[in-house]
Amino acid sequence: MQVTLQEFNELTTDEKAWHLWHGATFLHVYTTDQYRVNLFHLNDYYIELWYNVSGNKVDHIRAFKSVELLAPFLDFIHISVP
């Protein structure tokens, strides 16, 4: 089932999680002191899932198209040329 960016952002957290597990492609994860932030791709947009490690729960899921919001993930990707 395809869901647009606007439709996705209007879903409940449980509905968003369902779409992540049933169609999104996992791309990357980075960690902070409190969170494990997962990046997914679905249809033509990206999705961040903020997992609170100490609380053992998902605090936030947001979808976006902005390349600028990818910056935290790009900091962890290293490309070396031989």
C-alpha atoms as a PDB file:
ATOM      1  CA  MET A   1       0.000   0.000   0.000  1.00  0.00           C
ATOM      2  CA  GLN A   2       1.475   3.324  -1.035  1.00  0.00           C
ATOM      3  CA  VAL A   3       1.076   6.216   1.342  1.00  0.00           C
ATOM      4  CA  THR A   4       2.103   9.786   0.538  1.00  0.00           C
ATOM      5  CA  LEU A   5       4.378  11.870   2.734  1.00  0.00           C
ATOM      6  CA  GLN A   6       1.452  13.939   3.997  1.00  0.00           C
ATOM      7  CA  GLU A   7      -0.647  10.848   4.681  1.00  0.00           C
ATOM      8  CA  PHE A   8       2.248   9.192   6.518  1.00  0.00           C
ATOM      9  CA  ASN A   9       2.788  12.178   8.805  1.00  0.00           C
ATOM     10  CA  GLU A  10      -0.902  12.154   9.744  1.00  0.00           C
ATOM     11  CA  LEU A  11      -0.827   8.505  10.888  1.00  0.00           C
ATOM     12  CA  THR A  12      -0.570   7.362  14.491  1.00  0.00           C
ATOM     13  CA  THR A  13       2.789   6.119  15.745  1.00  0.00           C
ATOM     14  CA  ASP A  14       1.586   2.511  15.524  1.00  0.00           C
ATOM     15  CA  GLU A  15       0.412   3.013  11.929  1.00  0.00           C
ATOM     16  CA  LYS A  16       3.713   4.637  10.998  1.00  0.00           C
ATOM     17  CA  ALA A  17       5.612   1.710  12.524  1.00  0.00           C
ATOM     18  CA  TRP A  18       3.482  -0.732  10.530  1.00  0.00           C
ATOM     19  CA  HIS A  19       4.456   0.984   7.271  1.00  0.00           C
ATOM     20  CA  LEU A  20       8.123   0.958   8.291  1.00  0.00           C
ATOM     21  CA  TRP A  21       8.118  -2.780   8.956  1.00  0.00           C
ATOM     22  CA  HIS A  22       5.998  -3.607   5.901  1.00  0.00           C
ATOM     23  CA  GLY A  23       7.566  -1.714   3.057  1.00  0.00           C
ATOM     24  CA  ALA A  24      10.262   0.747   4.044  1.00  0.00           C
ATOM     25  CA  THR A  25      13.930   0.109   3.316  1.00  0.00           C
ATOM     26  CA  PHE A  26      16.365   0.520   6.202  1.00  0.00           C
ATOM     27  CA  LEU A  27      19.260   2.782   5.212  1.00  0.00           C
ATOM     28  CA  HIS A  28      21.332   3.695   8.265  1.00  0.00           C
ATOM     29  CA  VAL A  29      21.423   4.222  12.025  1.00  0.00           C
ATOM     30  CA  TYR A  30      23.382   6.510  14.313  1.00  0.00           C
ATOM     31  CA  THR A  31      23.372   6.736  18.093  1.00  0.00           C
ATOM     32  CA  THR A  32      23.425   9.567  20.589  1.00  0.00           C
ATOM     33  CA  ASP A  33      23.611   9.339  24.378  1.00  0.00           C
ATOM     34  CA  GLN A  34      19.881   8.774  24.588  1.00  0.00           C
ATOM     35  CA  TYR A  35      18.683   7.688  21.137  1.00  0.00           C
ATOM     36  CA  ARG A  36      19.249   5.248  18.321  1.00  0.00           C
ATOM     37  CA  VAL A  37      18.077   7.147  15.224  1.00  0.00           C
ATOM     38  CA  ASN A  38      17.140   4.911  12.299  1.00  0.00           C
ATOM     39  CA  LEU A  39      16.761   6.143   8.734  1.00  0.00           C
ATOM     40  CA  PHE A  40      14.402   4.477   6.282  1.00  0.00           C
ATOM     41  CA  HIS A  41      13.260   5.151   2.732  1.00  0.00           C
ATOM     42  CA  LEU A  42       9.640   4.671   1.655  1.00  0.00           C
ATOM     43  CA  ASN A  43       8.141   5.678  -1.681  1.00  0.00           C
ATOM     44  CA  ASP A  44       9.748   9.067  -2.424  1.00  0.00           C
ATOM     45  CA  TYR A  45      10.629  10.222   1.104  1.00  0.00           C
ATOM     46  CA  TYR A  46      12.788   9.430   4.127  1.00  0.00           C
ATOM     47  CA  ILE A  47      11.674   8.463   7.611  1.00  0.00           C
ATOM     48  CA  GLU A  48      13.461   8.902  10.925  1.00  0.00           C
ATOM     49  CA  LEU A  49      12.577   6.649  13.841  1.00  0.00           C
ATOM     50  CA  TRP A  50      13.870   7.957  17.189  1.00  0.00           C
ATOM     51  CA  TYR A  51      14.237   5.031  19.593  1.00  0.00           C
ATOM     52  CA  ASN A  52      14.821   5.981  23.236  1.00  0.00           C
ATOM     53  CA  VAL A  53      17.332   3.391  24.437  1.00  0.00           C
ATOM     54  CA  SER A  54      16.972   3.980  28.188  1.00  0.00           C
ATOM     55  CA  GLY A  55      13.186   4.175  27.986  1.00  0.00           C
ATOM     56  CA  ASN A  56      12.971   1.221  25.562  1.00  0.00           C
ATOM     57  CA  LYS A  57      10.391   2.994  23.411  1.00  0.00           C
ATOM     58  CA  VAL A  58       9.904   4.880  20.174  1.00  0.00           C
ATOM     59  CA  ASP A  59       9.672   8.584  20.971  1.00  0.00           C
ATOM     60  CA  HIS A  60       9.212  10.005  17.497  1.00  0.00           C
ATOM     61  CA  ILE A  61       8.741   9.033  13.856  1.00  0.00           C
ATOM     62  CA  ARG A  62       8.848  11.683  11.158  1.00  0.00           C
ATOM     63  CA  ALA A  63       8.899  11.610   7.378  1.00  0.00           C
ATOM     64  CA  PHE A  64      10.537  14.209   5.173  1.00  0.00           C
ATOM     65  CA  LYS A  65      11.978  14.929   1.723  1.00  0.00           C
ATOM     66  CA  SER A  66      14.466  17.615   2.750  1.00  0.00           C
ATOM     67  CA  VAL A  67      18.052  16.704   1.928  1.00  0.00           C
ATOM     68  CA  GLU A  68      19.212  19.010   4.742  1.00  0.00           C
ATOM     69  CA  LEU A  69      17.579  16.688   7.289  1.00  0.00           C
ATOM     70  CA  LEU A  70      19.844  13.882   6.061  1.00  0.00           C
ATOM     71  CA  ALA A  71      22.960  15.713   7.324  1.00  0.00           C
ATOM     72  CA  PRO A  72      23.215  13.867  10.671  1.00  0.00           C
ATOM     73  CA  PHE A  73      23.319  10.562   8.805  1.00  0.00           C
ATOM     74  CA  LEU A  74      25.840  11.759   6.231  1.00  0.00           C
ATOM     75  CA  ASP A  75      28.299  12.606   9.015  1.00  0.00           C
ATOM     76  CA  PHE A  76      28.621   8.857   9.673  1.00  0.00           C
ATOM     77  CA  ILE A  77      29.190   7.765   6.087  1.00  0.00           C
ATOM     78  CA  HIS A  78      32.857   7.636   5.158  1.00  0.00           C
ATOM     79  CA  ILE A  79      33.989   7.029   1.623  1.00  0.00           C
ATOM     80  CA  SER A  80      37.623   6.273   0.992  1.00  0.00           C
ATOM     81  CA  VAL A  81      39.249   6.212  -2.408  1.00  0.00           C
ATOM     82  CA  PRO A  82      42.077   3.686  -2.858  1.00  0.00           C
END
